[in-house]
Amino acid sequence: MNQNIERIEVFLDESKEPLQVLTSPPFKVKLDTRQIPDGPHTLRVVTTYKGGQVEEEIIDFEVDNLPSPFIDGIDDGQQVRGEVEFEVVTGDYAAPKSKGGLSVVGAVVSAILVLGLVWFYFAFSPSVTDVVKGQAVEAAGEGAAAAVEGDADAGKELFAAQCASCHGANAEGAFGPALAGNPIVENAASFDKIVKEGTNAGMPPFAQLTDKELADLRAYLASLGGAEAAPAAEPAAEAAATVDPAVMSEGETVYLTNCAACHQPNGEGLGTFPALAGNANLADANLVIDRILNGAGTMPGFGGQLDDQKVAAVATYIRNSWGNDFGPVTPAEVAAKR
């Protein structure tokens, strides 16, 4: 990595205001293509070095979000004669044909967004359990899923790869609800429907999972039994009285530099990026520290670039801003989590 980089500004199309300003590694750009129209777009990446040198790179890409139809079997402008057969594909992803590398960019952006949506939806959503219960009732009358014997060991590997960042390493619940001992696991039809179709609240579908993989997941989760209840958070009112204004000021600076591009300066979130304002899940200080240090899903961890004081400051800031009142986080608490 070039240590002489002062900042990287990313502009979308003809906008004069940067989509994101990156001042410290990892230099990762988050782009929600659902917020921009389908069609061709341009990213302009401007890198400014500490010596004053400026480099600019233009990246052309194309947005094609589903369920827009894709014609397979006849190309635009193609000359044909006689009987012609082609397929109109909708609903399922069909990668566009490569044109100057655009399909590669589209595939990368799509992969990042799908993974990001999974994490960000579960990250700070207090209503997930209610949604799961509601869909379980809806699916209960639709008949049991085909009997497929599940392999708990295979399900454990699949869970670690797809689910653990949201639901905890042992399905005990983290940002997402606990699944160990959850009654939904016992209802194969309900569980499979939710996983494969997603939820009305925004959870994306995992239609690519086979019946065998779903059975493996259920077998693994059923083997875990009940999850231990998380320890109760300390009373917010008592802790909030000790918040240091100087720490809040430092935390605001760290937040605006590293977090505001996704969660917005007012903490209201944007698209798939969750709101932090008025978010009850921030009451768990250990969880907040862990996510800042280590990240989750596509969210990068900042433990390698922020010291204990800065992590404590930004954790304190988001836990006590925009209607939140959860008290301070100390550098010692951060050090204990590293």
Protein backbone atom coordinates (compact mmCIF):
# COMPACT_ATOMS: atom_id res chain seq x y z
CA MET A 1 0.00 0.00 0.00
CA ASN A 2 1.25 3.47 -0.86
CA GLN A 3 1.83 5.28 2.43
CA ASN A 4 1.89 8.66 0.67
CA ILE A 5 -1.82 8.71 -0.17
CA GLU A 6 -3.58 11.63 1.50
CA ARG A 7 -7.11 10.85 0.31
CA ILE A 8 -9.12 9.12 -2.40
CA GLU A 9 -12.32 10.73 -3.69
CA VAL A 10 -14.89 8.72 -5.63
CA PHE A 11 -17.38 10.56 -7.86
CA LEU A 12 -20.42 9.01 -9.55
CA ASP A 13 -21.29 10.19 -13.08
CA GLU A 14 -21.25 14.00 -13.36
CA SER A 15 -21.67 14.71 -9.64
CA LYS A 16 -19.40 17.42 -8.26
CA GLU A 17 -19.81 16.05 -4.72
CA PRO A 18 -17.86 12.85 -3.97
CA LEU A 19 -19.81 9.69 -3.35
CA GLN A 20 -17.20 8.73 -0.77
CA VAL A 21 -13.95 10.15 0.58
CA LEU A 22 -11.38 7.60 1.77
CA THR A 23 -8.61 8.83 4.05
CA SER A 24 -7.27 5.63 5.57
CA PRO A 25 -7.00 1.96 4.59
CA PRO A 26 -8.75 -0.24 3.77
CA PHE A 27 -9.80 1.89 0.79
CA LYS A 28 -13.12 0.16 0.19
CA VAL A 29 -15.99 1.83 -1.66
CA LYS A 30 -19.57 0.83 -0.91
CA LEU A 31 -22.02 1.42 -3.77
CA ASP A 32 -25.72 0.52 -3.60
CA THR A 33 -26.69 0.25 -7.28
CA ARG A 34 -30.38 0.11 -6.34
CA GLN A 35 -30.17 3.82 -5.57
CA ILE A 36 -29.19 4.71 -9.16
CA PRO A 37 -31.01 4.05 -12.46
CA ASP A 38 -30.27 1.03 -14.61
CA GLY A 39 -27.95 1.76 -17.50
CA PRO A 40 -24.40 3.00 -18.08
CA HIS A 41 -22.61 4.94 -15.34
CA THR A 42 -19.13 6.22 -14.63
CA LEU A 43 -16.99 6.22 -11.50
CA ARG A 44 -14.23 8.83 -11.35
CA VAL A 45 -11.55 7.97 -8.78
CA VAL A 46 -9.29 10.87 -7.82
CA THR A 47 -6.22 10.04 -5.70
CA THR A 48 -4.39 12.89 -3.97
CA TYR A 49 -0.91 12.23 -2.60
CA LYS A 50 0.74 14.03 0.31
CA GLY A 51 3.18 15.75 -2.03
CA GLY A 52 0.31 17.33 -3.97
CA GLN A 53 0.31 14.93 -6.93
CA VAL A 54 -3.17 14.02 -8.21
CA GLU A 55 -4.10 10.98 -10.28
CA GLU A 56 -7.49 10.33 -11.85
CA GLU A 57 -8.98 7.10 -13.13
CA ILE A 58 -12.27 6.64 -14.99
CA ILE A 59 -14.21 3.40 -14.61
CA ASP A 60 -17.26 2.76 -16.80
CA PHE A 61 -19.83 0.23 -15.63
CA GLU A 62 -23.45 -0.71 -16.25
CA VAL A 63 -26.24 -1.24 -13.72
CA ASP A 64 -28.81 -3.94 -14.47
CA ASN A 65 -30.81 -4.80 -11.36
CA LEU A 66 -33.44 -7.51 -11.45
CA PRO A 67 -36.24 -8.16 -12.21
CA SER A 68 -35.40 -6.42 -15.50
CA PRO A 69 -35.80 -8.95 -18.36
CA PHE A 70 -32.78 -10.41 -20.13
CA ILE A 71 -33.06 -11.77 -23.68
CA ASP A 72 -31.02 -14.95 -24.22
CA GLY A 73 -30.67 -16.19 -27.79
CA ILE A 74 -30.84 -13.06 -29.94
CA ASP A 75 -28.48 -10.09 -29.82
CA ASP A 76 -29.36 -6.46 -30.34
CA GLY A 77 -28.88 -5.66 -34.06
CA GLN A 78 -28.34 -9.30 -35.02
CA GLN A 79 -29.47 -10.29 -38.51
CA VAL A 80 -31.73 -13.35 -38.44
CA ARG A 81 -33.86 -15.34 -40.85
CA GLY A 82 -36.26 -18.22 -40.61
CA GLU A 83 -37.55 -19.48 -37.27
CA VAL A 84 -35.82 -17.89 -34.28
CA GLU A 85 -36.01 -19.14 -30.70
CA PHE A 86 -34.92 -17.07 -27.73
CA GLU A 87 -35.66 -16.91 -24.01
CA VAL A 88 -36.84 -13.98 -21.92
CA VAL A 89 -35.35 -14.41 -18.45
CA THR A 90 -36.84 -12.53 -15.49
CA GLY A 91 -36.56 -12.87 -11.74
CA ASP A 92 -33.43 -15.02 -11.77
CA TYR A 93 -30.02 -13.49 -12.26
CA ALA A 94 -28.66 -13.83 -15.78
CA ALA A 95 -25.21 -12.32 -16.28
CA PRO A 96 -25.03 -9.90 -19.25
CA LYS A 97 -22.67 -10.75 -22.08
CA SER A 98 -19.22 -9.28 -21.69
CA LYS A 99 -18.74 -5.90 -23.33
CA GLY A 100 -15.38 -4.37 -22.57
CA GLY A 101 -15.22 -5.88 -19.08
CA LEU A 102 -18.53 -4.47 -17.85
CA SER A 103 -19.82 -7.90 -16.82
CA VAL A 104 -16.81 -8.35 -14.53
CA VAL A 105 -17.48 -5.05 -12.77
CA GLY A 106 -21.18 -5.89 -12.51
CA ALA A 107 -20.46 -9.30 -11.01
CA VAL A 108 -18.10 -7.83 -8.38
CA VAL A 109 -20.56 -5.07 -7.42
CA SER A 110 -23.45 -7.56 -7.25
CA ALA A 111 -21.47 -9.93 -5.02
CA ILE A 112 -20.48 -7.13 -2.64
CA LEU A 113 -24.04 -5.83 -2.43
CA VAL A 114 -25.60 -9.24 -1.76
CA LEU A 115 -23.15 -9.99 1.06
CA GLY A 116 -23.49 -6.45 2.41
CA LEU A 117 -27.28 -6.64 2.39
CA VAL A 118 -27.24 -9.87 4.38
CA TRP A 119 -25.05 -8.39 7.10
CA PHE A 120 -26.56 -4.90 7.20
CA TYR A 121 -30.13 -6.17 7.31
CA PHE A 122 -29.45 -8.30 10.35
CA ALA A 123 -26.91 -5.88 11.84
CA PHE A 124 -29.29 -3.56 13.68
CA SER A 125 -32.82 -4.84 13.00
CA PRO A 126 -34.84 -5.39 16.18
CA SER A 127 -37.84 -6.70 14.22
CA VAL A 128 -36.27 -9.80 12.68
CA THR A 129 -37.70 -12.22 15.21
CA ASP A 130 -41.22 -10.88 14.64
CA VAL A 131 -40.78 -11.22 10.88
CA VAL A 132 -39.61 -14.82 11.23
CA LYS A 133 -42.57 -15.67 13.44
CA GLY A 134 -45.00 -14.09 11.00
CA GLN A 135 -43.64 -15.97 8.02
CA ALA A 136 -43.57 -19.19 10.00
CA VAL A 137 -47.33 -18.94 10.62
CA GLU A 138 -47.94 -18.17 6.95
CA ALA A 139 -45.91 -21.17 5.79
CA ALA A 140 -47.23 -23.64 8.36
CA GLY A 141 -50.28 -24.56 6.29
CA GLU A 142 -48.38 -25.16 3.08
CA GLY A 143 -47.23 -28.69 3.93
CA ALA A 144 -43.95 -30.11 5.10
CA ALA A 145 -40.85 -29.92 2.94
CA ALA A 146 -39.67 -33.03 1.18
CA ALA A 147 -37.97 -35.36 3.63
CA VAL A 148 -34.23 -34.98 3.13
CA GLU A 149 -31.81 -36.32 5.70
CA GLY A 150 -29.46 -33.60 6.91
CA ASP A 151 -25.78 -33.82 7.81
CA ALA A 152 -25.03 -31.68 10.89
CA ASP A 153 -21.29 -31.53 10.10
CA ALA A 154 -21.94 -30.25 6.57
CA GLY A 155 -24.51 -27.83 7.99
CA LYS A 156 -21.94 -26.48 10.43
CA GLU A 157 -19.56 -25.62 7.59
CA LEU A 158 -22.35 -24.00 5.57
CA PHE A 159 -23.52 -22.01 8.60
CA ALA A 160 -19.99 -20.74 9.28
CA ALA A 161 -19.67 -19.54 5.70
CA GLN A 162 -23.12 -18.00 5.22
CA CYS A 163 -24.69 -17.21 8.59
CA ALA A 164 -22.23 -16.92 11.49
CA SER A 165 -21.34 -13.24 10.96
CA CYS A 166 -24.96 -12.29 11.70
CA HIS A 167 -26.23 -15.04 13.99
CA GLY A 168 -23.06 -15.73 15.99
CA ALA A 169 -20.44 -18.44 15.70
CA ASN A 170 -22.66 -20.91 17.57
CA ALA A 171 -26.02 -19.52 16.38
CA GLU A 172 -26.41 -17.87 19.78
CA GLY A 173 -27.40 -14.57 18.18
CA ALA A 174 -25.28 -11.52 17.49
CA PHE A 175 -26.67 -8.81 15.25
CA GLY A 176 -29.26 -11.30 14.02
CA PRO A 177 -31.59 -13.43 16.16
CA ALA A 178 -30.50 -16.60 17.91
CA LEU A 179 -31.21 -19.73 15.86
CA ALA A 180 -29.96 -22.34 18.35
CA GLY A 181 -33.09 -23.78 19.91
CA ASN A 182 -35.34 -21.54 17.80
CA PRO A 183 -38.69 -23.30 17.09
CA ILE A 184 -38.52 -22.20 13.44
CA VAL A 185 -35.79 -24.80 12.88
CA GLU A 186 -38.20 -27.61 13.73
CA ASN A 187 -40.61 -26.60 10.96
CA ALA A 188 -38.84 -27.60 7.73
CA ALA A 189 -41.42 -25.96 5.45
CA SER A 190 -41.30 -22.62 7.29
CA PHE A 191 -37.52 -22.58 7.66
CA ASP A 192 -36.87 -23.44 4.02
CA LYS A 193 -39.43 -20.90 2.79
CA ILE A 194 -37.85 -18.07 4.75
CA VAL A 195 -34.30 -18.93 3.69
CA LYS A 196 -35.13 -19.47 0.01
CA GLU A 197 -37.60 -16.58 -0.44
CA GLY A 198 -36.29 -14.01 2.03
CA THR A 199 -38.62 -11.81 4.07
CA ASN A 200 -40.84 -8.84 3.37
CA ALA A 201 -38.64 -6.74 5.65
CA GLY A 202 -35.70 -6.91 3.28
CA MET A 203 -33.82 -10.16 3.93
CA PRO A 204 -32.56 -11.35 0.51
CA PRO A 205 -33.47 -14.82 -0.76
CA PHE A 206 -31.01 -17.70 -0.84
CA ALA A 207 -32.74 -19.58 -3.64
CA GLN A 208 -29.42 -21.08 -4.72
CA LEU A 209 -29.34 -23.39 -1.69
CA THR A 210 -30.39 -26.96 -2.46
CA ASP A 211 -32.87 -28.97 -0.39
CA LYS A 212 -29.93 -31.02 0.89
CA GLU A 213 -28.06 -27.88 2.02
CA LEU A 214 -31.17 -26.59 3.79
CA ALA A 215 -31.59 -29.94 5.51
CA ASP A 216 -27.93 -29.81 6.57
CA LEU A 217 -28.46 -26.36 8.08
CA ARG A 218 -31.52 -27.51 9.99
CA ALA A 219 -29.70 -30.60 11.25
CA TYR A 220 -26.83 -28.50 12.55
CA LEU A 221 -29.04 -25.90 14.22
CA ALA A 222 -31.22 -28.60 15.78
CA SER A 223 -28.09 -30.20 17.27
CA LEU A 224 -27.23 -27.03 19.19
CA GLY A 225 -30.23 -26.94 21.50
CA GLY A 226 -31.13 -23.64 23.20
CA ALA A 227 -28.89 -20.58 23.24
CA GLU A 228 -27.85 -18.90 26.45
CA ALA A 229 -29.46 -15.55 27.04
CA ALA A 230 -27.22 -12.55 26.52
CA PRO A 231 -26.30 -10.62 29.67
CA ALA A 232 -28.46 -7.60 30.33
CA ALA A 233 -26.97 -4.22 29.49
CA GLU A 234 -26.19 -1.84 32.33
CA PRO A 235 -28.79 0.85 32.97
CA ALA A 236 -28.23 3.52 30.32
CA ALA A 237 -29.26 6.48 32.44
CA GLU A 238 -26.64 5.80 35.11
CA ALA A 239 -23.82 5.22 32.62
CA ALA A 240 -24.69 8.20 30.42
CA ALA A 241 -23.97 10.64 33.23
CA THR A 242 -20.24 9.89 32.96
CA VAL A 243 -19.83 10.59 29.21
CA ASP A 244 -16.92 12.99 28.65
CA PRO A 245 -17.67 15.80 26.12
CA ALA A 246 -14.03 15.69 24.95
CA VAL A 247 -14.38 11.97 24.14
CA MET A 248 -17.62 12.69 22.28
CA SER A 249 -15.86 15.34 20.21
CA GLU A 250 -13.01 12.98 19.35
CA GLY A 251 -15.49 10.22 18.53
CA GLU A 252 -17.41 12.51 16.18
CA THR A 253 -14.21 13.22 14.23
CA VAL A 254 -13.44 9.51 13.91
CA TYR A 255 -17.04 8.80 12.89
CA LEU A 256 -17.18 11.46 10.18
CA THR A 257 -13.88 10.23 8.74
CA ASN A 258 -14.60 6.49 8.74
CA CYS A 259 -18.32 5.82 9.15
CA ALA A 260 -20.48 8.70 7.92
CA ALA A 261 -20.27 7.79 4.22
CA CYS A 262 -22.33 4.65 4.90
CA HIS A 263 -24.32 5.47 8.05
CA GLN A 264 -24.69 9.18 7.19
CA PRO A 265 -23.56 12.12 9.36
CA ASN A 266 -26.92 12.14 11.15
CA GLY A 267 -26.82 8.39 11.85
CA GLU A 268 -29.97 7.76 9.79
CA GLY A 269 -28.36 5.20 7.49
CA LEU A 270 -28.73 4.93 3.72
CA GLY A 271 -30.30 2.11 1.72
CA THR A 272 -28.88 -1.15 3.04
CA PHE A 273 -26.67 0.69 5.52
CA PRO A 274 -28.50 0.53 8.87
CA ALA A 275 -29.54 3.50 10.93
CA LEU A 276 -27.62 3.99 14.17
CA ALA A 277 -29.92 6.75 15.43
CA GLY A 278 -32.26 5.40 18.09
CA ASN A 279 -30.88 1.88 17.69
CA ALA A 280 -31.46 -0.23 20.79
CA ASN A 281 -28.86 -2.84 19.76
CA LEU A 282 -26.07 -0.35 20.51
CA ALA A 283 -26.71 -0.95 24.21
CA ASP A 284 -24.37 -3.97 23.98
CA ALA A 285 -20.96 -2.28 24.29
CA ASN A 286 -18.99 -5.49 23.67
CA LEU A 287 -20.85 -6.10 20.43
CA VAL A 288 -20.20 -2.54 19.24
CA ILE A 289 -16.48 -2.82 20.08
CA ASP A 290 -16.18 -6.17 18.30
CA ARG A 291 -17.77 -4.89 15.09
CA ILE A 292 -15.58 -1.76 15.02
CA LEU A 293 -12.43 -3.82 15.58
CA ASN A 294 -13.18 -6.85 13.42
CA GLY A 295 -16.01 -5.89 11.08
CA ALA A 296 -18.58 -8.43 9.88
CA GLY A 297 -19.64 -9.59 6.45
CA THR A 298 -18.46 -6.94 4.01
CA MET A 299 -18.01 -4.33 6.74
CA PRO A 300 -14.24 -3.85 7.24
CA GLY A 301 -12.66 -3.98 10.67
CA PHE A 302 -10.82 -0.89 11.86
CA GLY A 303 -8.73 -2.54 14.56
CA GLY A 304 -5.59 -2.28 12.47
CA GLN A 305 -5.80 1.46 11.93
CA LEU A 306 -7.53 2.85 15.03
CA ASP A 307 -5.91 2.67 18.46
CA ASP A 308 -7.84 1.79 21.62
CA GLN A 309 -8.58 5.44 22.43
CA LYS A 310 -10.08 6.17 19.00
CA VAL A 311 -12.15 2.97 18.99
CA ALA A 312 -13.46 3.83 22.47
CA ALA A 313 -14.22 7.39 21.38
CA VAL A 314 -16.21 6.46 18.27
CA ALA A 315 -18.05 3.69 20.15
CA THR A 316 -18.95 6.22 22.85
CA TYR A 317 -20.06 8.73 20.20
CA ILE A 318 -22.49 6.43 18.36
CA ARG A 319 -23.86 5.04 21.67
CA ASN A 320 -24.70 8.54 22.89
CA SER A 321 -25.81 10.47 19.79
CA TRP A 322 -29.06 10.89 17.81
CA GLY A 323 -31.29 9.82 20.69
CA ASN A 324 -29.02 7.02 21.95
CA ASP A 325 -28.13 7.09 25.65
CA PHE A 326 -26.01 4.04 26.45
CA GLY A 327 -22.98 5.45 28.24
CA PRO A 328 -19.24 5.52 27.52
CA VAL A 329 -16.77 2.91 26.32
CA THR A 330 -13.25 2.96 27.76
CA PRO A 331 -9.91 2.18 26.08
CA ALA A 332 -9.45 -0.64 28.61
CA GLU A 333 -12.64 -2.29 27.38
CA VAL A 334 -11.39 -2.05 23.81
CA ALA A 335 -7.98 -3.49 24.72
CA ALA A 336 -9.68 -6.46 26.37
CA LYS A 337 -11.50 -7.27 23.11
CA ARG A 338 -8.42 -7.19 20.85
